[in-house]
């Protein structure tokens, strides 16, 4: 049923927020070129999760 599917989706969203509590924004490190990419990817991920 639709209500059980929605309930399951809600549980998944709540669980993803619990996992986000350990995540923080990353800082850019000028000596590591990949840190800029990682910083942007983390910011986008956290922004998407917040908008759920």
Protein backbone atom coordinates (compact mmCIF):
# COMPACT_ATOMS: atom_id res chain seq x y z
CA UNK A 1 0.00 0.00 0.00
CA UNK A 2 0.97 3.58 -0.53
CA UNK A 3 0.96 4.40 3.17
CA UNK A 4 3.43 1.65 4.00
CA UNK A 5 5.68 2.80 1.14
CA UNK A 6 5.58 6.36 2.45
CA UNK A 7 6.34 5.15 5.96
CA UNK A 8 9.34 3.20 4.68
CA UNK A 9 10.56 6.20 2.69
CA UNK A 10 10.22 8.37 5.80
CA UNK A 11 12.30 5.86 7.80
CA UNK A 12 15.01 5.98 5.14
CA UNK A 13 15.06 9.79 5.22
CA UNK A 14 15.29 9.85 9.02
CA UNK A 15 18.14 7.34 8.90
CA UNK A 16 20.00 9.41 6.33
CA UNK A 17 19.73 12.46 8.60
CA UNK A 18 21.16 10.46 11.49
CA UNK A 19 24.12 9.59 9.30
CA UNK A 20 24.53 13.24 8.32
CA UNK A 21 25.04 14.32 11.90
CA UNK A 22 28.64 13.11 11.68
CA UNK A 23 29.29 14.99 8.44
CA UNK A 24 30.64 18.50 8.38
CA UNK A 25 31.58 20.85 5.59
CA UNK A 26 35.10 20.26 4.34
CA UNK A 27 37.68 23.02 4.07
CA UNK A 28 39.71 23.78 1.00
CA UNK A 29 43.43 23.00 1.29
CA UNK A 30 45.54 24.91 -1.27
CA UNK A 31 48.22 22.20 -1.43
CA UNK A 32 45.71 19.46 -2.32
CA UNK A 33 43.95 20.03 -5.64
CA UNK A 34 41.32 17.39 -4.91
CA UNK A 35 40.20 19.11 -1.70
CA UNK A 36 38.26 21.72 -3.71
CA UNK A 37 36.32 19.00 -5.49
CA UNK A 38 35.66 17.12 -2.24
CA UNK A 39 34.54 20.34 -0.54
CA UNK A 40 32.05 21.10 -3.33
CA UNK A 41 30.73 17.53 -3.45
CA UNK A 42 30.16 17.47 0.33
CA UNK A 43 28.40 20.85 0.26
CA UNK A 44 26.07 19.71 -2.53
CA UNK A 45 25.32 16.45 -0.72
CA UNK A 46 24.48 18.20 2.54
CA UNK A 47 22.39 20.80 0.72
CA UNK A 48 20.35 18.11 -1.06
CA UNK A 49 19.76 16.21 2.17
CA UNK A 50 18.63 19.38 3.92
CA UNK A 51 16.10 20.08 1.16
CA UNK A 52 14.35 16.69 1.57
